[in-house]
Amino acid sequence: MSQNDIGRIANYIRQLRESKNYSQEYMAAKMKMSQNSYSKIELNYSKLTVDRLIQIARLLDTDAGTLIAACGYEEDCAA
């Protein structure tokens, strides 16, 4: 998975967060991290680990597969 793919996932995370009217501060607090650190995930400046991806997905009432599919890996997610 390329950095561009991760960037698309990060962008989709931001879109989902905003659609739920969640602030970065809210997400960061739930994830026990600073708002600045959370912001870096959405901006693709910080490494998005699998653990963080799962944590974000749960907070956004979705699953990691859905977030990954947002970057064009639908076939892999269906397997």
PDB file of N, CA and C in Angstrom:
ATOM      1  N   MET A   1       0.855  -1.173   0.000  1.00  0.00           N
ATOM      2  CA  MET A   1       0.000   0.000   0.000  1.00  0.00           C
ATOM      3  C   MET A   1       0.900   1.234   0.000  1.00  0.00           C
ATOM      4  N   SER A   2       0.650   2.131  -0.921  1.00  0.00           N
ATOM      5  CA  SER A   2       1.496   3.316  -1.070  1.00  0.00           C
ATOM      6  C   SER A   2       1.077   4.435  -0.114  1.00  0.00           C
ATOM      7  N   GLN A   3       1.938   5.431   0.004  1.00  0.00           N
ATOM      8  CA  GLN A   3       1.609   6.612   0.811  1.00  0.00           C
ATOM      9  C   GLN A   3       0.380   7.316   0.252  1.00  0.00           C
ATOM     10  N   ASN A   4       0.219   7.279  -1.070  1.00  0.00           N
ATOM     11  CA  ASN A   4      -0.955   7.881  -1.694  1.00  0.00           C
ATOM     12  C   ASN A   4      -2.227   7.166  -1.237  1.00  0.00           C
ATOM     13  N   ASP A   5      -2.166   5.832  -1.144  1.00  0.00           N
ATOM     14  CA  ASP A   5      -3.309   5.056  -0.660  1.00  0.00           C
ATOM     15  C   ASP A   5      -3.626   5.412   0.787  1.00  0.00           C
ATOM     16  N   ILE A   6      -2.596   5.508   1.612  1.00  0.00           N
ATOM     17  CA  ILE A   6      -2.782   5.877   3.016  1.00  0.00           C
ATOM     18  C   ILE A   6      -3.385   7.276   3.097  1.00  0.00           C
ATOM     19  N   GLY A   7      -2.945   8.165   2.223  1.00  0.00           N
ATOM     20  CA  GLY A   7      -3.507   9.518   2.183  1.00  0.00           C
ATOM     21  C   GLY A   7      -4.989   9.508   1.860  1.00  0.00           C
ATOM     22  N   ARG A   8      -5.405   8.627   0.952  1.00  0.00           N
ATOM     23  CA  ARG A   8      -6.837   8.527   0.630  1.00  0.00           C
ATOM     24  C   ARG A   8      -7.625   7.991   1.816  1.00  0.00           C
ATOM     25  N   ILE A   9      -7.053   7.033   2.530  1.00  0.00           N
ATOM     26  CA  ILE A   9      -7.709   6.525   3.737  1.00  0.00           C
ATOM     27  C   ILE A   9      -7.835   7.647   4.756  1.00  0.00           C
ATOM     28  N   ALA A  10      -6.767   8.398   4.963  1.00  0.00           N
ATOM     29  CA  ALA A  10      -6.779   9.504   5.925  1.00  0.00           C
ATOM     30  C   ALA A  10      -7.825  10.547   5.540  1.00  0.00           C
ATOM     31  N   ASN A  11      -7.941  10.837   4.258  1.00  0.00           N
ATOM     32  CA  ASN A  11      -8.937  11.794   3.790  1.00  0.00           C
ATOM     33  C   ASN A  11     -10.349  11.270   4.047  1.00  0.00           C
ATOM     34  N   TYR A  12     -10.566   9.987   3.811  1.00  0.00           N
ATOM     35  CA  TYR A  12     -11.877   9.385   4.056  1.00  0.00           C
ATOM     36  C   TYR A  12     -12.212   9.411   5.547  1.00  0.00           C
ATOM     37  N   ILE A  13     -11.217   9.169   6.390  1.00  0.00           N
ATOM     38  CA  ILE A  13     -11.419   9.262   7.837  1.00  0.00           C
ATOM     39  C   ILE A  13     -11.896  10.665   8.202  1.00  0.00           C
ATOM     40  N   ARG A  14     -11.245  11.678   7.645  1.00  0.00           N
ATOM     41  CA  ARG A  14     -11.646  13.064   7.924  1.00  0.00           C
ATOM     42  C   ARG A  14     -13.083  13.312   7.488  1.00  0.00           C
ATOM     43  N   GLN A  15     -13.434  12.836   6.291  1.00  0.00           N
ATOM     44  CA  GLN A  15     -14.797  13.023   5.789  1.00  0.00           C
ATOM     45  C   GLN A  15     -15.822  12.358   6.703  1.00  0.00           C
ATOM     46  N   LEU A  16     -15.546  11.133   7.132  1.00  0.00           N
ATOM     47  CA  LEU A  16     -16.470  10.441   8.037  1.00  0.00           C
ATOM     48  C   LEU A  16     -16.590  11.176   9.369  1.00  0.00           C
ATOM     49  N   ARG A  17     -15.438  11.607   9.902  1.00  0.00           N
ATOM     50  CA  ARG A  17     -15.450  12.330  11.181  1.00  0.00           C
ATOM     51  C   ARG A  17     -16.296  13.585  11.079  1.00  0.00           C
ATOM     52  N   GLU A  18     -16.097  14.344  10.008  1.00  0.00           N
ATOM     53  CA  GLU A  18     -16.856  15.579   9.827  1.00  0.00           C
ATOM     54  C   GLU A  18     -18.340  15.299   9.613  1.00  0.00           C
ATOM     55  N   SER A  19     -18.683  14.207   8.937  1.00  0.00           N
ATOM     56  CA  SER A  19     -20.097  13.877   8.707  1.00  0.00           C
ATOM     57  C   SER A  19     -20.808  13.551  10.016  1.00  0.00           C
ATOM     58  N   LYS A  20     -20.054  13.110  11.012  1.00  0.00           N
ATOM     59  CA  LYS A  20     -20.616  12.811  12.329  1.00  0.00           C
ATOM     60  C   LYS A  20     -20.496  14.002  13.279  1.00  0.00           C
ATOM     61  N   ASN A  21     -19.975  15.105  12.766  1.00  0.00           N
ATOM     62  CA  ASN A  21     -19.759  16.312  13.566  1.00  0.00           C
ATOM     63  C   ASN A  21     -18.857  16.060  14.769  1.00  0.00           C
ATOM     64  N   TYR A  22     -17.883  15.177  14.592  1.00  0.00           N
ATOM     65  CA  TYR A  22     -16.884  14.931  15.624  1.00  0.00           C
ATOM     66  C   TYR A  22     -15.697  15.853  15.361  1.00  0.00           C
ATOM     67  N   SER A  23     -15.192  16.448  16.409  1.00  0.00           N
ATOM     68  CA  SER A  23     -14.004  17.288  16.271  1.00  0.00           C
ATOM     69  C   SER A  23     -12.748  16.421  16.378  1.00  0.00           C
ATOM     70  N   GLN A  24     -11.650  16.981  15.927  1.00  0.00           N
ATOM     71  CA  GLN A  24     -10.379  16.288  16.113  1.00  0.00           C
ATOM     72  C   GLN A  24     -10.082  16.143  17.601  1.00  0.00           C
ATOM     73  N   GLU A  25     -10.474  17.125  18.388  1.00  0.00           N
ATOM     74  CA  GLU A  25     -10.264  17.068  19.829  1.00  0.00           C
ATOM     75  C   GLU A  25     -11.011  15.886  20.436  1.00  0.00           C
ATOM     76  N   TYR A  26     -12.257  15.668  19.981  1.00  0.00           N
ATOM     77  CA  TYR A  26     -13.066  14.548  20.470  1.00  0.00           C
ATOM     78  C   TYR A  26     -12.380  13.221  20.142  1.00  0.00           C
ATOM     79  N   MET A  27     -11.978  13.065  18.874  1.00  0.00           N
ATOM     80  CA  MET A  27     -11.334  11.824  18.446  1.00  0.00           C
ATOM     81  C   MET A  27     -10.046  11.595  19.238  1.00  0.00           C
ATOM     82  N   ALA A  28      -9.259  12.645  19.375  1.00  0.00           N
ATOM     83  CA  ALA A  28      -7.987  12.535  20.091  1.00  0.00           C
ATOM     84  C   ALA A  28      -8.208  12.129  21.545  1.00  0.00           C
ATOM     85  N   ALA A  29      -9.189  12.734  22.194  1.00  0.00           N
ATOM     86  CA  ALA A  29      -9.467  12.407  23.594  1.00  0.00           C
ATOM     87  C   ALA A  29      -9.872  10.942  23.736  1.00  0.00           C
ATOM     88  N   LYS A  30     -10.727  10.468  22.845  1.00  0.00           N
ATOM     89  CA  LYS A  30     -11.169   9.070  22.886  1.00  0.00           C
ATOM     90  C   LYS A  30     -10.007   8.109  22.634  1.00  0.00           C
ATOM     91  N   MET A  31      -9.038   8.566  21.849  1.00  0.00           N
ATOM     92  CA  MET A  31      -7.886   7.729  21.510  1.00  0.00           C
ATOM     93  C   MET A  31      -6.708   7.945  22.459  1.00  0.00           C
ATOM     94  N   LYS A  32      -6.909   8.801  23.458  1.00  0.00           N
ATOM     95  CA  LYS A  32      -5.877   9.105  24.450  1.00  0.00           C
ATOM     96  C   LYS A  32      -4.582   9.603  23.795  1.00  0.00           C
ATOM     97  N   MET A  33      -4.768  10.603  22.938  1.00  0.00           N
ATOM     98  CA  MET A  33      -3.633  11.235  22.270  1.00  0.00           C
ATOM     99  C   MET A  33      -3.925  12.720  22.148  1.00  0.00           C
ATOM    100  N   SER A  34      -2.936  13.497  21.777  1.00  0.00           N
ATOM    101  CA  SER A  34      -3.149  14.932  21.614  1.00  0.00           C
ATOM    102  C   SER A  34      -3.888  15.211  20.304  1.00  0.00           C
ATOM    103  N   GLN A  35      -4.533  16.362  20.251  1.00  0.00           N
ATOM    104  CA  GLN A  35      -5.217  16.769  19.021  1.00  0.00           C
ATOM    105  C   GLN A  35      -4.201  16.920  17.900  1.00  0.00           C
ATOM    106  N   ASN A  36      -3.032  17.429  18.218  1.00  0.00           N
ATOM    107  CA  ASN A  36      -1.982  17.605  17.220  1.00  0.00           C
ATOM    108  C   ASN A  36      -1.565  16.255  16.620  1.00  0.00           C
ATOM    109  N   SER A  37      -1.416  15.249  17.461  1.00  0.00           N
ATOM    110  CA  SER A  37      -1.050  13.916  16.969  1.00  0.00           C
ATOM    111  C   SER A  37      -2.151  13.337  16.092  1.00  0.00           C
ATOM    112  N   TYR A  38      -3.408  13.531  16.506  1.00  0.00           N
ATOM    113  CA  TYR A  38      -4.519  13.028  15.692  1.00  0.00           C
ATOM    114  C   TYR A  38      -4.561  13.754  14.346  1.00  0.00           C
ATOM    115  N   SER A  39      -4.368  15.052  14.380  1.00  0.00           N
ATOM    116  CA  SER A  39      -4.369  15.843  13.152  1.00  0.00           C
ATOM    117  C   SER A  39      -3.329  15.322  12.163  1.00  0.00           C
ATOM    118  N   LYS A  40      -2.172  14.940  12.667  1.00  0.00           N
ATOM    119  CA  LYS A  40      -1.112  14.421  11.802  1.00  0.00           C
ATOM    120  C   LYS A  40      -1.525  13.121  11.120  1.00  0.00           C
ATOM    121  N   ILE A  41      -2.369  12.323  11.764  1.00  0.00           N
ATOM    122  CA  ILE A  41      -2.881  11.106  11.122  1.00  0.00           C
ATOM    123  C   ILE A  41      -3.749  11.488   9.931  1.00  0.00           C
ATOM    124  N   GLU A  42      -4.680  12.422  10.140  1.00  0.00           N
ATOM    125  CA  GLU A  42      -5.577  12.834   9.057  1.00  0.00           C
ATOM    126  C   GLU A  42      -4.830  13.528   7.920  1.00  0.00           C
ATOM    127  N   LEU A  43      -3.739  14.179   8.236  1.00  0.00           N
ATOM    128  CA  LEU A  43      -2.948  14.868   7.213  1.00  0.00           C
ATOM    129  C   LEU A  43      -1.911  13.947   6.561  1.00  0.00           C
ATOM    130  N   ASN A  44      -1.863  12.710   7.029  1.00  0.00           N
ATOM    131  CA  ASN A  44      -0.910  11.716   6.529  1.00  0.00           C
ATOM    132  C   ASN A  44       0.538  12.136   6.794  1.00  0.00           C
ATOM    133  N   TYR A  45       0.750  12.842   7.901  1.00  0.00           N
ATOM    134  CA  TYR A  45       2.098  13.221   8.321  1.00  0.00           C
ATOM    135  C   TYR A  45       2.647  12.223   9.336  1.00  0.00           C
ATOM    136  N   SER A  46       1.759  11.395   9.881  1.00  0.00           N
ATOM    137  CA  SER A  46       2.130  10.429  10.902  1.00  0.00           C
ATOM    138  C   SER A  46       1.706   9.043  10.441  1.00  0.00           C
ATOM    139  N   LYS A  47       2.469   8.052  10.805  1.00  0.00           N
ATOM    140  CA  LYS A  47       2.180   6.679  10.412  1.00  0.00           C
ATOM    141  C   LYS A  47       0.841   6.230  10.999  1.00  0.00           C
ATOM    142  N   LEU A  48       0.011   5.650  10.157  1.00  0.00           N
ATOM    143  CA  LEU A  48      -1.276   5.112  10.593  1.00  0.00           C
ATOM    144  C   LEU A  48      -1.094   3.619  10.826  1.00  0.00           C
ATOM    145  N   THR A  49      -1.032   3.227  12.096  1.00  0.00           N
ATOM    146  CA  THR A  49      -0.850   1.817  12.424  1.00  0.00           C
ATOM    147  C   THR A  49      -2.179   1.077  12.304  1.00  0.00           C
ATOM    148  N   VAL A  50      -2.099  -0.235  12.231  1.00  0.00           N
ATOM    149  CA  VAL A  50      -3.314  -1.053  12.176  1.00  0.00           C
ATOM    150  C   VAL A  50      -4.140  -0.835  13.435  1.00  0.00           C
ATOM    151  N   ASP A  51      -3.484  -0.781  14.589  1.00  0.00           N
ATOM    152  CA  ASP A  51      -4.209  -0.556  15.843  1.00  0.00           C
ATOM    153  C   ASP A  51      -4.960   0.769  15.821  1.00  0.00           C
ATOM    154  N   ARG A  52      -4.310   1.816  15.344  1.00  0.00           N
ATOM    155  CA  ARG A  52      -4.964   3.131  15.254  1.00  0.00           C
ATOM    156  C   ARG A  52      -6.106   3.102  14.244  1.00  0.00           C
ATOM    157  N   LEU A  53      -5.902   2.425  13.127  1.00  0.00           N
ATOM    158  CA  LEU A  53      -6.945   2.326  12.111  1.00  0.00           C
ATOM    159  C   LEU A  53      -8.187   1.656  12.689  1.00  0.00           C
ATOM    160  N   ILE A  54      -8.005   0.581  13.427  1.00  0.00           N
ATOM    161  CA  ILE A  54      -9.134  -0.123  14.047  1.00  0.00           C
ATOM    162  C   ILE A  54      -9.807   0.766  15.078  1.00  0.00           C
ATOM    163  N   GLN A  55      -9.021   1.458  15.873  1.00  0.00           N
ATOM    164  CA  GLN A  55      -9.564   2.357  16.894  1.00  0.00           C
ATOM    165  C   GLN A  55     -10.392   3.471  16.251  1.00  0.00           C
ATOM    166  N   ILE A  56      -9.883   4.070  15.204  1.00  0.00           N
ATOM    167  CA  ILE A  56     -10.604   5.132  14.495  1.00  0.00           C
ATOM    168  C   ILE A  56     -11.884   4.579  13.890  1.00  0.00           C
ATOM    169  N   ALA A  57     -11.793   3.416  13.265  1.00  0.00           N
ATOM    170  CA  ALA A  57     -12.973   2.803  12.646  1.00  0.00           C
ATOM    171  C   ALA A  57     -14.076   2.591  13.671  1.00  0.00           C
ATOM    172  N   ARG A  58     -13.735   2.088  14.831  1.00  0.00           N
ATOM    173  CA  ARG A  58     -14.741   1.859  15.882  1.00  0.00           C
ATOM    174  C   ARG A  58     -15.384   3.166  16.326  1.00  0.00           C
ATOM    175  N   LEU A  59     -14.579   4.203  16.487  1.00  0.00           N
ATOM    176  CA  LEU A  59     -15.126   5.500  16.891  1.00  0.00           C
ATOM    177  C   LEU A  59     -16.072   6.068  15.839  1.00  0.00           C
ATOM    178  N   LEU A  60     -15.829   5.725  14.582  1.00  0.00           N
ATOM    179  CA  LEU A  60     -16.652   6.232  13.480  1.00  0.00           C
ATOM    180  C   LEU A  60     -17.758   5.249  13.086  1.00  0.00           C
ATOM    181  N   ASP A  61     -17.980   4.237  13.928  1.00  0.00           N
ATOM    182  CA  ASP A  61     -19.040   3.239  13.702  1.00  0.00           C
ATOM    183  C   ASP A  61     -18.905   2.526  12.364  1.00  0.00           C
ATOM    184  N   THR A  62     -17.694   2.140  12.042  1.00  0.00           N
ATOM    185  CA  THR A  62     -17.439   1.382  10.819  1.00  0.00           C
ATOM    186  C   THR A  62     -16.363   0.354  11.131  1.00  0.00           C
ATOM    187  N   ASP A  63     -15.791  -0.245  10.117  1.00  0.00           N
ATOM    188  CA  ASP A  63     -14.712  -1.203  10.341  1.00  0.00           C
ATOM    189  C   ASP A  63     -13.503  -0.831   9.481  1.00  0.00           C
ATOM    190  N   ALA A  64     -12.386  -1.404   9.820  1.00  0.00           N
ATOM    191  CA  ALA A  64     -11.147  -1.078   9.115  1.00  0.00           C
ATOM    192  C   ALA A  64     -11.234  -1.435   7.636  1.00  0.00           C
ATOM    193  N   GLY A  65     -11.930  -2.510   7.306  1.00  0.00           N
ATOM    194  CA  GLY A  65     -12.087  -2.905   5.906  1.00  0.00           C
ATOM    195  C   GLY A  65     -12.775  -1.844   5.080  1.00  0.00           C
ATOM    196  N   THR A  66     -13.772  -1.200   5.651  1.00  0.00           N
ATOM    197  CA  THR A  66     -14.474  -0.121   4.951  1.00  0.00           C
ATOM    198  C   THR A  66     -13.536   1.052   4.702  1.00  0.00           C
ATOM    199  N   LEU A  67     -12.717   1.375   5.684  1.00  0.00           N
ATOM    200  CA  LEU A  67     -11.770   2.476   5.515  1.00  0.00           C
ATOM    201  C   LEU A  67     -10.726   2.135   4.457  1.00  0.00           C
ATOM    202  N   ILE A  68     -10.259   0.895   4.461  1.00  0.00           N
ATOM    203  CA  ILE A  68      -9.282   0.471   3.456  1.00  0.00           C
ATOM    204  C   ILE A  68      -9.912   0.457   2.070  1.00  0.00           C
ATOM    205  N   ALA A  69     -11.160   0.006   1.975  1.00  0.00           N
ATOM    206  CA  ALA A  69     -11.856  -0.033   0.681  1.00  0.00           C
ATOM    207  C   ALA A  69     -11.973   1.357   0.075  1.00  0.00           C
ATOM    208  N   ALA A  70     -11.975   2.383   0.906  1.00  0.00           N
ATOM    209  CA  ALA A  70     -12.092   3.760   0.422  1.00  0.00           C
ATOM    210  C   ALA A  70     -10.917   4.147  -0.472  1.00  0.00           C
ATOM    211  N   CYS A  71      -9.801   3.441  -0.354  1.00  0.00           N
ATOM    212  CA  CYS A  71      -8.639   3.774  -1.186  1.00  0.00           C
ATOM    213  C   CYS A  71      -8.561   2.895  -2.421  1.00  0.00           C
ATOM    214  N   GLY A  72      -9.574   2.087  -2.679  1.00  0.00           N
ATOM    215  CA  GLY A  72      -9.619   1.315  -3.909  1.00  0.00           C
ATOM    216  C   GLY A  72      -9.249  -0.143  -3.783  1.00  0.00           C
ATOM    217  N   TYR A  73      -9.274  -0.677  -2.586  1.00  0.00           N
ATOM    218  CA  TYR A  73      -8.937  -2.085  -2.375  1.00  0.00           C
ATOM    219  C   TYR A  73     -10.173  -2.923  -2.066  1.00  0.00           C
ATOM    220  N   GLU A  74     -11.300  -2.622  -2.730  1.00  0.00           N
ATOM    221  CA  GLU A  74     -12.541  -3.334  -2.456  1.00  0.00           C
ATOM    222  C   GLU A  74     -12.384  -4.839  -2.630  1.00  0.00           C
ATOM    223  N   GLU A  75     -11.672  -5.266  -3.674  1.00  0.00           N
ATOM    224  CA  GLU A  75     -11.518  -6.690  -3.934  1.00  0.00           C
ATOM    225  C   GLU A  75     -10.828  -7.384  -2.759  1.00  0.00           C
ATOM    226  N   ASP A  76      -9.786  -6.755  -2.223  1.00  0.00           N
ATOM    227  CA  ASP A  76      -9.068  -7.348  -1.101  1.00  0.00           C
ATOM    228  C   ASP A  76      -9.947  -7.436   0.135  1.00  0.00           C
ATOM    229  N   CYS A  77     -10.800  -6.446   0.330  1.00  0.00           N
ATOM    230  CA  CYS A  77     -11.649  -6.419   1.512  1.00  0.00           C
ATOM    231  C   CYS A  77     -12.737  -7.486   1.441  1.00  0.00           C
ATOM    232  N   ALA A  78     -13.149  -7.861   0.242  1.00  0.00           N
ATOM    233  CA  ALA A  78     -14.222  -8.839   0.083  1.00  0.00           C
ATOM    234  C   ALA A  78     -13.718 -10.260   0.292  1.00  0.00           C
ATOM    235  N   ALA A  79     -12.436 -10.457   0.207  1.00  0.00           N
ATOM    236  CA  ALA A  79     -11.880 -11.820   0.315  1.00  0.00           C
ATOM    237  C   ALA A  79     -11.901 -12.323   1.741  1.00  0.00           C
TER     238      ALA A  79
END
